[in-house]
């Protein structure tokens, strides 16, 4: 049996900083906070783990995807928006926007349409 455990992100030298950044922006609950390893938990129970590189723990920047309603307001001024070439399916391209956080982790924002397709 395989169970999803967490999304892992690079947390810089002091993971308390990156954990606090996400906690402040999205309101997630703090589970663990330390210099080398911090964890948050979303309201849906998804764990976000922030780690720093050290012997035996090679952490690369990661990616998370957040789904939001199409008309939701998000304050992502502290992120750098990534630009992509037009994809083969323009409708999908308009639904997703990619950002980089200060540690190089990628955040995909999927804007879920409020209208139903008939």
PDB file of N, CA and C in Angstrom:
ATOM      1  N   UNK A   1       0.847  -1.184   0.000  1.00  0.00           N
ATOM      2  CA  UNK A   1       0.000   0.000   0.000  1.00  0.00           C
ATOM      3  C   UNK A   1       0.887   1.240   0.000  1.00  0.00           C
ATOM      4  N   UNK A   2       0.592   2.181  -0.870  1.00  0.00           N
ATOM      5  CA  UNK A   2       1.338   3.427  -0.955  1.00  0.00           C
ATOM      6  C   UNK A   2       0.423   4.565  -0.528  1.00  0.00           C
ATOM      7  N   UNK A   3       0.920   5.390   0.378  1.00  0.00           N
ATOM      8  CA  UNK A   3       0.149   6.546   0.854  1.00  0.00           C
ATOM      9  C   UNK A   3       0.940   7.813   0.601  1.00  0.00           C
ATOM     10  N   UNK A   4       0.246   8.843   0.210  1.00  0.00           N
ATOM     11  CA  UNK A   4       0.870  10.153   0.069  1.00  0.00           C
ATOM     12  C   UNK A   4       1.241  10.655   1.459  1.00  0.00           C
ATOM     13  N   UNK A   5       2.473  11.148   1.646  1.00  0.00           N
ATOM     14  CA  UNK A   5       2.891  11.652   2.953  1.00  0.00           C
ATOM     15  C   UNK A   5       3.016  13.172   2.972  1.00  0.00           C
ATOM     16  N   UNK A   6       3.771  13.740   2.010  1.00  0.00           N
ATOM     17  CA  UNK A   6       4.000  15.177   2.072  1.00  0.00           C
ATOM     18  C   UNK A   6       4.483  15.716   0.741  1.00  0.00           C
ATOM     19  N   UNK A   7       4.497  17.016   0.657  1.00  0.00           N
ATOM     20  CA  UNK A   7       5.180  17.736  -0.407  1.00  0.00           C
ATOM     21  C   UNK A   7       6.445  18.276   0.234  1.00  0.00           C
ATOM     22  N   UNK A   8       7.587  18.052  -0.383  1.00  0.00           N
ATOM     23  CA  UNK A   8       8.852  18.499   0.200  1.00  0.00           C
ATOM     24  C   UNK A   8       9.411  19.670  -0.590  1.00  0.00           C
ATOM     25  N   UNK A   9       9.792  20.716   0.121  1.00  0.00           N
ATOM     26  CA  UNK A   9      10.349  21.910  -0.489  1.00  0.00           C
ATOM     27  C   UNK A   9      11.686  22.240   0.153  1.00  0.00           C
ATOM     28  N   UNK A  10      12.560  22.860  -0.618  1.00  0.00           N
ATOM     29  CA  UNK A  10      13.825  23.345  -0.100  1.00  0.00           C
ATOM     30  C   UNK A  10      13.528  24.536   0.798  1.00  0.00           C
ATOM     31  N   UNK A  11      14.081  24.550   1.989  1.00  0.00           N
ATOM     32  CA  UNK A  11      13.759  25.597   2.953  1.00  0.00           C
ATOM     33  C   UNK A  11      14.870  26.568   3.252  1.00  0.00           C
ATOM     34  N   UNK A  12      15.972  26.529   2.509  1.00  0.00           N
ATOM     35  CA  UNK A  12      17.079  27.444   2.775  1.00  0.00           C
ATOM     36  C   UNK A  12      17.882  26.998   3.981  1.00  0.00           C
ATOM     37  N   UNK A  13      18.714  27.879   4.489  1.00  0.00           N
ATOM     38  CA  UNK A  13      19.579  27.547   5.625  1.00  0.00           C
ATOM     39  C   UNK A  13      18.804  27.448   6.933  1.00  0.00           C
ATOM     40  N   UNK A  14      17.763  28.248   7.115  1.00  0.00           N
ATOM     41  CA  UNK A  14      16.928  28.198   8.317  1.00  0.00           C
ATOM     42  C   UNK A  14      15.496  27.964   7.874  1.00  0.00           C
ATOM     43  N   UNK A  15      15.023  26.732   7.975  1.00  0.00           N
ATOM     44  CA  UNK A  15      13.695  26.382   7.454  1.00  0.00           C
ATOM     45  C   UNK A  15      12.561  27.056   8.213  1.00  0.00           C
ATOM     46  N   UNK A  16      12.834  27.608   9.371  1.00  0.00           N
ATOM     47  CA  UNK A  16      11.796  28.344  10.105  1.00  0.00           C
ATOM     48  C   UNK A  16      11.348  29.566   9.306  1.00  0.00           C
ATOM     49  N   UNK A  17      12.268  30.154   8.539  1.00  0.00           N
ATOM     50  CA  UNK A  17      11.951  31.343   7.734  1.00  0.00           C
ATOM     51  C   UNK A  17      10.981  30.978   6.612  1.00  0.00           C
ATOM     52  N   UNK A  18      11.301  29.924   5.849  1.00  0.00           N
ATOM     53  CA  UNK A  18      10.421  29.534   4.737  1.00  0.00           C
ATOM     54  C   UNK A  18       9.083  29.008   5.248  1.00  0.00           C
ATOM     55  N   UNK A  19       9.099  28.254   6.342  1.00  0.00           N
ATOM     56  CA  UNK A  19       7.861  27.758   6.934  1.00  0.00           C
ATOM     57  C   UNK A  19       6.964  28.911   7.372  1.00  0.00           C
ATOM     58  N   UNK A  20       7.548  29.891   8.016  1.00  0.00           N
ATOM     59  CA  UNK A  20       6.804  31.065   8.471  1.00  0.00           C
ATOM     60  C   UNK A  20       6.220  31.848   7.299  1.00  0.00           C
ATOM     61  N   UNK A  21       6.981  31.937   6.207  1.00  0.00           N
ATOM     62  CA  UNK A  21       6.545  32.612   4.980  1.00  0.00           C
ATOM     63  C   UNK A  21       5.242  31.981   4.456  1.00  0.00           C
ATOM     64  N   UNK A  22       5.221  30.647   4.324  1.00  0.00           N
ATOM     65  CA  UNK A  22       4.039  29.943   3.827  1.00  0.00           C
ATOM     66  C   UNK A  22       2.893  29.975   4.837  1.00  0.00           C
ATOM     67  N   UNK A  23       3.205  29.872   6.095  1.00  0.00           N
ATOM     68  CA  UNK A  23       2.188  29.928   7.144  1.00  0.00           C
ATOM     69  C   UNK A  23       1.463  31.271   7.096  1.00  0.00           C
ATOM     70  N   UNK A  24       2.236  32.348   6.964  1.00  0.00           N
ATOM     71  CA  UNK A  24       1.660  33.697   6.897  1.00  0.00           C
ATOM     72  C   UNK A  24       0.807  33.888   5.636  1.00  0.00           C
ATOM     73  N   UNK A  25       1.298  33.403   4.494  1.00  0.00           N
ATOM     74  CA  UNK A  25       0.582  33.610   3.236  1.00  0.00           C
ATOM     75  C   UNK A  25      -0.697  32.785   3.117  1.00  0.00           C
ATOM     76  N   UNK A  26      -0.649  31.519   3.560  1.00  0.00           N
ATOM     77  CA  UNK A  26      -1.765  30.610   3.310  1.00  0.00           C
ATOM     78  C   UNK A  26      -2.495  30.156   4.568  1.00  0.00           C
ATOM     79  N   UNK A  27      -2.016  30.533   5.753  1.00  0.00           N
ATOM     80  CA  UNK A  27      -2.714  30.196   6.987  1.00  0.00           C
ATOM     81  C   UNK A  27      -2.609  28.743   7.404  1.00  0.00           C
ATOM     82  N   UNK A  28      -1.563  28.048   6.951  1.00  0.00           N
ATOM     83  CA  UNK A  28      -1.403  26.639   7.304  1.00  0.00           C
ATOM     84  C   UNK A  28      -0.871  26.502   8.725  1.00  0.00           C
ATOM     85  N   UNK A  29      -1.148  25.374   9.361  1.00  0.00           N
ATOM     86  CA  UNK A  29      -0.748  25.127  10.744  1.00  0.00           C
ATOM     87  C   UNK A  29       0.681  24.611  10.819  1.00  0.00           C
ATOM     88  N   UNK A  30       1.420  25.085  11.813  1.00  0.00           N
ATOM     89  CA  UNK A  30       2.788  24.644  12.039  1.00  0.00           C
ATOM     90  C   UNK A  30       2.790  23.355  12.862  1.00  0.00           C
ATOM     91  N   UNK A  31       3.540  22.345  12.391  1.00  0.00           N
ATOM     92  CA  UNK A  31       3.670  21.068  13.109  1.00  0.00           C
ATOM     93  C   UNK A  31       5.030  21.001  13.797  1.00  0.00           C
ATOM     94  N   UNK A  32       6.092  21.315  13.030  1.00  0.00           N
ATOM     95  CA  UNK A  32       7.461  21.268  13.524  1.00  0.00           C
ATOM     96  C   UNK A  32       8.183  22.514  13.019  1.00  0.00           C
ATOM     97  N   UNK A  33       8.969  23.137  13.874  1.00  0.00           N
ATOM     98  CA  UNK A  33       9.794  24.276  13.458  1.00  0.00           C
ATOM     99  C   UNK A  33      11.184  24.119  14.046  1.00  0.00           C
ATOM    100  N   UNK A  34      12.176  23.965  13.173  1.00  0.00           N
ATOM    101  CA  UNK A  34      13.564  23.972  13.616  1.00  0.00           C
ATOM    102  C   UNK A  34      14.401  24.531  12.480  1.00  0.00           C
ATOM    103  N   UNK A  35      15.649  24.807  12.779  1.00  0.00           N
ATOM    104  CA  UNK A  35      16.521  25.401  11.773  1.00  0.00           C
ATOM    105  C   UNK A  35      16.672  24.496  10.545  1.00  0.00           C
ATOM    106  N   UNK A  36      16.776  23.190  10.747  1.00  0.00           N
ATOM    107  CA  UNK A  36      17.034  22.265   9.642  1.00  0.00           C
ATOM    108  C   UNK A  36      15.828  21.555   9.069  1.00  0.00           C
ATOM    109  N   UNK A  37      14.683  21.585   9.779  1.00  0.00           N
ATOM    110  CA  UNK A  37      13.498  20.844   9.323  1.00  0.00           C
ATOM    111  C   UNK A  37      12.245  21.467   9.930  1.00  0.00           C
ATOM    112  N   UNK A  38      11.321  21.868   9.075  1.00  0.00           N
ATOM    113  CA  UNK A  38      10.049  22.418   9.540  1.00  0.00           C
ATOM    114  C   UNK A  38       8.920  21.800   8.735  1.00  0.00           C
ATOM    115  N   UNK A  39       7.733  21.720   9.349  1.00  0.00           N
ATOM    116  CA  UNK A  39       6.573  21.143   8.675  1.00  0.00           C
ATOM    117  C   UNK A  39       5.339  21.986   8.938  1.00  0.00           C
ATOM    118  N   UNK A  40       4.513  22.095   7.902  1.00  0.00           N
ATOM    119  CA  UNK A  40       3.195  22.719   8.005  1.00  0.00           C
ATOM    120  C   UNK A  40       2.159  21.689   7.598  1.00  0.00           C
ATOM    121  N   UNK A  41       0.915  21.923   7.976  1.00  0.00           N
ATOM    122  CA  UNK A  41      -0.184  21.051   7.571  1.00  0.00           C
ATOM    123  C   UNK A  41      -1.330  21.926   7.080  1.00  0.00           C
ATOM    124  N   UNK A  42      -1.849  21.606   5.892  1.00  0.00           N
ATOM    125  CA  UNK A  42      -2.981  22.356   5.350  1.00  0.00           C
ATOM    126  C   UNK A  42      -4.260  21.923   6.057  1.00  0.00           C
ATOM    127  N   UNK A  43      -5.324  22.670   5.855  1.00  0.00           N
ATOM    128  CA  UNK A  43      -6.631  22.339   6.445  1.00  0.00           C
ATOM    129  C   UNK A  43      -7.126  20.982   5.948  1.00  0.00           C
ATOM    130  N   UNK A  44      -6.654  20.577   4.743  1.00  0.00           N
ATOM    131  CA  UNK A  44      -7.053  19.294   4.162  1.00  0.00           C
ATOM    132  C   UNK A  44      -6.170  18.144   4.621  1.00  0.00           C
ATOM    133  N   UNK A  45      -5.169  18.447   5.442  1.00  0.00           N
ATOM    134  CA  UNK A  45      -4.300  17.399   5.968  1.00  0.00           C
ATOM    135  C   UNK A  45      -3.037  17.123   5.175  1.00  0.00           C
ATOM    136  N   UNK A  46      -2.727  17.937   4.173  1.00  0.00           N
ATOM    137  CA  UNK A  46      -1.514  17.754   3.387  1.00  0.00           C
ATOM    138  C   UNK A  46      -0.340  18.360   4.155  1.00  0.00           C
ATOM    139  N   UNK A  47       0.737  17.591   4.297  1.00  0.00           N
ATOM    140  CA  UNK A  47       1.931  18.081   4.977  1.00  0.00           C
ATOM    141  C   UNK A  47       2.880  18.717   3.968  1.00  0.00           C
ATOM    142  N   UNK A  48       3.408  19.888   4.336  1.00  0.00           N
ATOM    143  CA  UNK A  48       4.421  20.570   3.555  1.00  0.00           C
ATOM    144  C   UNK A  48       5.693  20.529   4.407  1.00  0.00           C
ATOM    145  N   UNK A  49       6.745  19.869   3.900  1.00  0.00           N
ATOM    146  CA  UNK A  49       7.996  19.706   4.642  1.00  0.00           C
ATOM    147  C   UNK A  49       9.054  20.619   4.026  1.00  0.00           C
ATOM    148  N   UNK A  50       9.720  21.405   4.858  1.00  0.00           N
ATOM    149  CA  UNK A  50      10.805  22.285   4.433  1.00  0.00           C
ATOM    150  C   UNK A  50      12.104  21.734   5.022  1.00  0.00           C
ATOM    151  N   UNK A  51      13.078  21.473   4.166  1.00  0.00           N
ATOM    152  CA  UNK A  51      14.352  20.924   4.618  1.00  0.00           C
ATOM    153  C   UNK A  51      15.497  21.753   4.081  1.00  0.00           C
ATOM    154  N   UNK A  52      16.649  21.608   4.709  1.00  0.00           N
ATOM    155  CA  UNK A  52      17.853  22.236   4.169  1.00  0.00           C
ATOM    156  C   UNK A  52      18.828  21.123   3.800  1.00  0.00           C
ATOM    157  N   UNK A  53      19.732  21.435   2.876  1.00  0.00           N
ATOM    158  CA  UNK A  53      20.724  20.447   2.460  1.00  0.00           C
ATOM    159  C   UNK A  53      21.704  20.193   3.589  1.00  0.00           C
ATOM    160  N   UNK A  54      21.978  18.918   3.812  1.00  0.00           N
ATOM    161  CA  UNK A  54      22.982  18.502   4.795  1.00  0.00           C
ATOM    162  C   UNK A  54      23.398  17.084   4.427  1.00  0.00           C
ATOM    163  N   UNK A  55      24.502  16.585   4.960  1.00  0.00           N
ATOM    164  CA  UNK A  55      24.912  15.214   4.633  1.00  0.00           C
ATOM    165  C   UNK A  55      23.775  14.228   4.909  1.00  0.00           C
ATOM    166  N   UNK A  56      23.476  13.410   3.922  1.00  0.00           N
ATOM    167  CA  UNK A  56      22.410  12.424   4.064  1.00  0.00           C
ATOM    168  C   UNK A  56      21.029  12.968   3.740  1.00  0.00           C
ATOM    169  N   UNK A  57      20.927  14.252   3.404  1.00  0.00           N
ATOM    170  CA  UNK A  57      19.624  14.850   3.069  1.00  0.00           C
ATOM    171  C   UNK A  57      19.832  15.833   1.932  1.00  0.00           C
ATOM    172  N   UNK A  58      19.825  15.330   0.709  1.00  0.00           N
ATOM    173  CA  UNK A  58      20.015  16.167  -0.470  1.00  0.00           C
ATOM    174  C   UNK A  58      18.659  16.693  -0.929  1.00  0.00           C
ATOM    175  N   UNK A  59      18.380  17.932  -0.623  1.00  0.00           N
ATOM    176  CA  UNK A  59      17.075  18.528  -0.927  1.00  0.00           C
ATOM    177  C   UNK A  59      17.212  19.482  -2.102  1.00  0.00           C
ATOM    178  N   UNK A  60      16.395  19.283  -3.116  1.00  0.00           N
ATOM    179  CA  UNK A  60      16.339  20.197  -4.258  1.00  0.00           C
ATOM    180  C   UNK A  60      15.058  20.993  -4.172  1.00  0.00           C
ATOM    181  N   UNK A  61      15.038  22.182  -4.800  1.00  0.00           N
ATOM    182  CA  UNK A  61      13.777  22.911  -4.844  1.00  0.00           C
ATOM    183  C   UNK A  61      12.681  22.025  -5.415  1.00  0.00           C
ATOM    184  N   UNK A  62      11.485  22.167  -4.891  1.00  0.00           N
ATOM    185  CA  UNK A  62      10.357  21.331  -5.273  1.00  0.00           C
ATOM    186  C   UNK A  62       9.233  22.115  -5.918  1.00  0.00           C
ATOM    187  N   UNK A  63       8.114  21.461  -6.087  1.00  0.00           N
ATOM    188  CA  UNK A  63       6.946  22.055  -6.717  1.00  0.00           C
ATOM    189  C   UNK A  63       5.697  21.647  -5.963  1.00  0.00           C
ATOM    190  N   UNK A  64       4.821  22.608  -5.734  1.00  0.00           N
ATOM    191  CA  UNK A  64       3.487  22.298  -5.238  1.00  0.00           C
ATOM    192  C   UNK A  64       2.486  22.961  -6.170  1.00  0.00           C
ATOM    193  N   UNK A  65       1.300  22.385  -6.252  1.00  0.00           N
ATOM    194  CA  UNK A  65       0.220  22.957  -7.047  1.00  0.00           C
ATOM    195  C   UNK A  65      -0.925  23.287  -6.118  1.00  0.00           C
ATOM    196  N   UNK A  66      -1.434  24.506  -6.229  1.00  0.00           N
ATOM    197  CA  UNK A  66      -2.571  24.948  -5.443  1.00  0.00           C
ATOM    198  C   UNK A  66      -3.739  25.188  -6.378  1.00  0.00           C
ATOM    199  N   UNK A  67      -4.904  24.671  -6.017  1.00  0.00           N
ATOM    200  CA  UNK A  67      -6.113  24.880  -6.809  1.00  0.00           C
ATOM    201  C   UNK A  67      -6.941  25.967  -6.138  1.00  0.00           C
ATOM    202  N   UNK A  68      -7.320  26.988  -6.911  1.00  0.00           N
ATOM    203  CA  UNK A  68      -8.136  28.074  -6.386  1.00  0.00           C
ATOM    204  C   UNK A  68      -9.293  28.337  -7.341  1.00  0.00           C
ATOM    205  N   UNK A  69     -10.350  28.926  -6.824  1.00  0.00           N
ATOM    206  CA  UNK A  69     -11.463  29.304  -7.683  1.00  0.00           C
ATOM    207  C   UNK A  69     -10.984  30.368  -8.669  1.00  0.00           C
ATOM    208  N   UNK A  70     -11.566  30.367  -9.851  1.00  0.00           N
ATOM    209  CA  UNK A  70     -11.141  31.238 -10.938  1.00  0.00           C
ATOM    210  C   UNK A  70     -11.095  32.716 -10.535  1.00  0.00           C
ATOM    211  N   UNK A  71     -12.040  33.141  -9.726  1.00  0.00           N
ATOM    212  CA  UNK A  71     -12.129  34.556  -9.369  1.00  0.00           C
ATOM    213  C   UNK A  71     -11.515  34.884  -8.008  1.00  0.00           C
ATOM    214  N   UNK A  72     -10.762  33.941  -7.424  1.00  0.00           N
ATOM    215  CA  UNK A  72     -10.136  34.169  -6.120  1.00  0.00           C
ATOM    216  C   UNK A  72      -9.021  35.201  -6.229  1.00  0.00           C
ATOM    217  N   UNK A  73      -8.921  36.037  -5.208  1.00  0.00           N
ATOM    218  CA  UNK A  73      -7.834  37.009  -5.119  1.00  0.00           C
ATOM    219  C   UNK A  73      -6.692  36.384  -4.332  1.00  0.00           C
ATOM    220  N   UNK A  74      -5.499  36.388  -4.895  1.00  0.00           N
ATOM    221  CA  UNK A  74      -4.312  35.892  -4.214  1.00  0.00           C
ATOM    222  C   UNK A  74      -3.264  36.991  -4.208  1.00  0.00           C
ATOM    223  N   UNK A  75      -2.628  37.184  -3.082  1.00  0.00           N
ATOM    224  CA  UNK A  75      -1.544  38.149  -2.982  1.00  0.00           C
ATOM    225  C   UNK A  75      -0.225  37.405  -3.121  1.00  0.00           C
ATOM    226  N   UNK A  76       0.317  37.397  -4.329  1.00  0.00           N
ATOM    227  CA  UNK A  76       1.549  36.654  -4.596  1.00  0.00           C
ATOM    228  C   UNK A  76       2.682  37.595  -5.000  1.00  0.00           C
ATOM    229  N   UNK A  77       2.660  38.823  -4.476  1.00  0.00           N
ATOM    230  CA  UNK A  77       3.668  39.816  -4.815  1.00  0.00           C
ATOM    231  C   UNK A  77       5.075  39.393  -4.415  1.00  0.00           C
ATOM    232  N   UNK A  78       5.190  38.525  -3.413  1.00  0.00           N
ATOM    233  CA  UNK A  78       6.505  38.099  -2.941  1.00  0.00           C
ATOM    234  C   UNK A  78       7.076  36.948  -3.774  1.00  0.00           C
ATOM    235  N   UNK A  79       6.308  36.470  -4.750  1.00  0.00           N
ATOM    236  CA  UNK A  79       6.752  35.409  -5.648  1.00  0.00           C
ATOM    237  C   UNK A  79       7.150  36.016  -6.987  1.00  0.00           C
ATOM    238  N   UNK A  80       8.021  35.322  -7.701  1.00  0.00           N
ATOM    239  CA  UNK A  80       8.407  35.738  -9.049  1.00  0.00           C
ATOM    240  C   UNK A  80       7.613  34.900 -10.050  1.00  0.00           C
ATOM    241  N   UNK A  81       6.820  35.553 -10.888  1.00  0.00           N
ATOM    242  CA  UNK A  81       6.029  34.814 -11.885  1.00  0.00           C
ATOM    243  C   UNK A  81       6.951  34.319 -12.994  1.00  0.00           C
ATOM    244  N   UNK A  82       6.743  33.048 -13.379  1.00  0.00           N
ATOM    245  CA  UNK A  82       7.504  32.465 -14.481  1.00  0.00           C
ATOM    246  C   UNK A  82       6.701  32.610 -15.769  1.00  0.00           C
ATOM    247  N   UNK A  83       7.402  32.881 -16.843  1.00  0.00           N
ATOM    248  CA  UNK A  83       6.769  32.987 -18.155  1.00  0.00           C
ATOM    249  C   UNK A  83       7.056  31.728 -18.948  1.00  0.00           C
ATOM    250  N   UNK A  84       6.053  31.222 -19.633  1.00  0.00           N
ATOM    251  CA  UNK A  84       6.202  30.011 -20.437  1.00  0.00           C
ATOM    252  C   UNK A  84       5.755  30.274 -21.858  1.00  0.00           C
ATOM    253  N   UNK A  85       6.304  29.470 -22.766  1.00  0.00           N
ATOM    254  CA  UNK A  85       5.852  29.513 -24.156  1.00  0.00           C
ATOM    255  C   UNK A  85       4.421  29.011 -24.222  1.00  0.00           C
ATOM    256  N   UNK A  86       3.688  29.398 -25.246  1.00  0.00           N
ATOM    257  CA  UNK A  86       2.315  28.923 -25.418  1.00  0.00           C
ATOM    258  C   UNK A  86       2.318  27.423 -25.611  1.00  0.00           C
ATOM    259  N   UNK A  87       1.477  26.759 -24.873  1.00  0.00           N
ATOM    260  CA  UNK A  87       1.363  25.308 -24.954  1.00  0.00           C
ATOM    261  C   UNK A  87       0.474  24.920 -26.126  1.00  0.00           C
ATOM    262  N   UNK A  88       0.415  23.640 -26.398  1.00  0.00           N
ATOM    263  CA  UNK A  88      -0.425  23.127 -27.486  1.00  0.00           C
ATOM    264  C   UNK A  88      -1.903  23.338 -27.175  1.00  0.00           C
ATOM    265  N   UNK A  89      -2.256  23.372 -25.897  1.00  0.00           N
ATOM    266  CA  UNK A  89      -3.658  23.558 -25.507  1.00  0.00           C
ATOM    267  C   UNK A  89      -3.797  24.902 -24.792  1.00  0.00           C
ATOM    268  N   UNK A  90      -4.099  25.977 -25.521  1.00  0.00           N
ATOM    269  CA  UNK A  90      -4.157  27.312 -24.923  1.00  0.00           C
ATOM    270  C   UNK A  90      -5.121  27.419 -23.742  1.00  0.00           C
ATOM    271  N   UNK A  91      -6.224  26.658 -23.741  1.00  0.00           N
ATOM    272  CA  UNK A  91      -7.182  26.735 -22.637  1.00  0.00           C
ATOM    273  C   UNK A  91      -6.548  26.281 -21.325  1.00  0.00           C
ATOM    274  N   UNK A  92      -5.705  25.254 -21.381  1.00  0.00           N
ATOM    275  CA  UNK A  92      -5.028  24.776 -20.186  1.00  0.00           C
ATOM    276  C   UNK A  92      -3.997  25.806 -19.731  1.00  0.00           C
ATOM    277  N   UNK A  93      -3.260  26.386 -20.687  1.00  0.00           N
ATOM    278  CA  UNK A  93      -2.239  27.374 -20.369  1.00  0.00           C
ATOM    279  C   UNK A  93      -2.829  28.551 -19.595  1.00  0.00           C
ATOM    280  N   UNK A  94      -4.056  28.952 -19.910  1.00  0.00           N
ATOM    281  CA  UNK A  94      -4.686  30.075 -19.236  1.00  0.00           C
ATOM    282  C   UNK A  94      -5.123  29.719 -17.823  1.00  0.00           C
ATOM    283  N   UNK A  95      -5.267  28.455 -17.511  1.00  0.00           N
ATOM    284  CA  UNK A  95      -5.718  28.021 -16.195  1.00  0.00           C
ATOM    285  C   UNK A  95      -4.589  27.926 -15.180  1.00  0.00           C
ATOM    286  N   UNK A  96      -3.361  27.799 -15.639  1.00  0.00           N
ATOM    287  CA  UNK A  96      -2.210  27.614 -14.758  1.00  0.00           C
ATOM    288  C   UNK A  96      -1.262  28.809 -14.834  1.00  0.00           C
ATOM    289  N   UNK A  97      -0.748  29.192 -13.671  1.00  0.00           N
ATOM    290  CA  UNK A  97       0.308  30.200 -13.603  1.00  0.00           C
ATOM    291  C   UNK A  97       1.379  29.654 -12.667  1.00  0.00           C
ATOM    292  N   UNK A  98       2.633  29.806 -13.049  1.00  0.00           N
ATOM    293  CA  UNK A  98       3.737  29.305 -12.230  1.00  0.00           C
ATOM    294  C   UNK A  98       4.489  30.468 -11.604  1.00  0.00           C
ATOM    295  N   UNK A  99       4.875  30.273 -10.330  1.00  0.00           N
ATOM    296  CA  UNK A  99       5.648  31.269  -9.588  1.00  0.00           C
ATOM    297  C   UNK A  99       6.824  30.571  -8.916  1.00  0.00           C
ATOM    298  N   UNK A 100       7.876  31.332  -8.620  1.00  0.00           N
ATOM    299  CA  UNK A 100       8.998  30.831  -7.835  1.00  0.00           C
ATOM    300  C   UNK A 100       9.024  31.588  -6.514  1.00  0.00           C
ATOM    301  N   UNK A 101       9.232  30.847  -5.423  1.00  0.00           N
ATOM    302  CA  UNK A 101       9.354  31.504  -4.123  1.00  0.00           C
ATOM    303  C   UNK A 101      10.812  31.936  -3.932  1.00  0.00           C
ATOM    304  N   UNK A 102      11.140  32.628  -2.848  1.00  0.00           N
ATOM    305  CA  UNK A 102      12.512  33.111  -2.651  1.00  0.00           C
ATOM    306  C   UNK A 102      13.575  32.011  -2.577  1.00  0.00           C
ATOM    307  N   UNK A 103      13.203  30.742  -2.399  1.00  0.00           N
ATOM    308  CA  UNK A 103      14.152  29.638  -2.304  1.00  0.00           C
ATOM    309  C   UNK A 103      14.232  28.823  -3.587  1.00  0.00           C
ATOM    310  N   UNK A 104      13.503  29.228  -4.641  1.00  0.00           N
ATOM    311  CA  UNK A 104      13.540  28.528  -5.921  1.00  0.00           C
ATOM    312  C   UNK A 104      12.520  27.423  -6.069  1.00  0.00           C
ATOM    313  N   UNK A 105      11.620  27.263  -5.082  1.00  0.00           N
ATOM    314  CA  UNK A 105      10.541  26.278  -5.198  1.00  0.00           C
ATOM    315  C   UNK A 105       9.470  26.833  -6.136  1.00  0.00           C
ATOM    316  N   UNK A 106       8.905  25.949  -6.941  1.00  0.00           N
ATOM    317  CA  UNK A 106       7.881  26.354  -7.904  1.00  0.00           C
ATOM    318  C   UNK A 106       6.489  26.125  -7.318  1.00  0.00           C
ATOM    319  N   UNK A 107       5.632  27.105  -7.501  1.00  0.00           N
ATOM    320  CA  UNK A 107       4.236  27.030  -7.070  1.00  0.00           C
ATOM    321  C   UNK A 107       3.366  27.178  -8.310  1.00  0.00           C
ATOM    322  N   UNK A 108       2.618  26.121  -8.631  1.00  0.00           N
ATOM    323  CA  UNK A 108       1.652  26.195  -9.718  1.00  0.00           C
ATOM    324  C   UNK A 108       0.314  26.603  -9.114  1.00  0.00           C
ATOM    325  N   UNK A 109      -0.315  27.606  -9.695  1.00  0.00           N
ATOM    326  CA  UNK A 109      -1.659  28.008  -9.286  1.00  0.00           C
ATOM    327  C   UNK A 109      -2.608  27.585 -10.400  1.00  0.00           C
ATOM    328  N   UNK A 110      -3.512  26.665 -10.083  1.00  0.00           N
ATOM    329  CA  UNK A 110      -4.532  26.207 -11.032  1.00  0.00           C
ATOM    330  C   UNK A 110      -5.821  26.920 -10.694  1.00  0.00           C
ATOM    331  N   UNK A 111      -6.305  27.721 -11.615  1.00  0.00           N
ATOM    332  CA  UNK A 111      -7.547  28.456 -11.416  1.00  0.00           C
ATOM    333  C   UNK A 111      -8.707  27.631 -11.961  1.00  0.00           C
ATOM    334  N   UNK A 112      -9.467  27.076 -11.031  1.00  0.00           N
ATOM    335  CA  UNK A 112     -10.602  26.216 -11.360  1.00  0.00           C
ATOM    336  C   UNK A 112     -11.764  27.085 -11.823  1.00  0.00           C
ATOM    337  N   UNK A 113     -12.327  26.740 -12.963  1.00  0.00           N
ATOM    338  CA  UNK A 113     -13.442  27.502 -13.523  1.00  0.00           C
ATOM    339  C   UNK A 113     -14.694  27.334 -12.651  1.00  0.00           C
ATOM    340  N   UNK A 114     -15.376  28.445 -12.428  1.00  0.00           N
ATOM    341  CA  UNK A 114     -16.625  28.416 -11.672  1.00  0.00           C
ATOM    342  C   UNK A 114     -17.808  27.997 -12.528  1.00  0.00           C
ATOM    343  N   UNK A 115     -17.648  28.059 -13.846  1.00  0.00           N
ATOM    344  CA  UNK A 115     -18.765  27.701 -14.736  1.00  0.00           C
ATOM    345  C   UNK A 115     -18.704  26.219 -15.082  1.00  0.00           C
ATOM    346  N   UNK A 116     -19.867  25.638 -15.278  1.00  0.00           N
ATOM    347  CA  UNK A 116     -19.938  24.226 -15.649  1.00  0.00           C
ATOM    348  C   UNK A 116     -19.997  24.103 -17.142  1.00  0.00           C
ATOM    349  N   UNK A 117     -19.295  23.109 -17.688  1.00  0.00           N
ATOM    350  CA  UNK A 117     -19.312  22.846 -19.125  1.00  0.00           C
ATOM    351  C   UNK A 117     -20.491  21.947 -19.430  1.00  0.00           C
ATOM    352  N   UNK A 118     -21.278  22.362 -20.430  1.00  0.00           N
ATOM    353  CA  UNK A 118     -22.445  21.552 -20.768  1.00  0.00           C
ATOM    354  C   UNK A 118     -22.277  20.855 -22.090  1.00  0.00           C
TER     355      UNK A 118
END
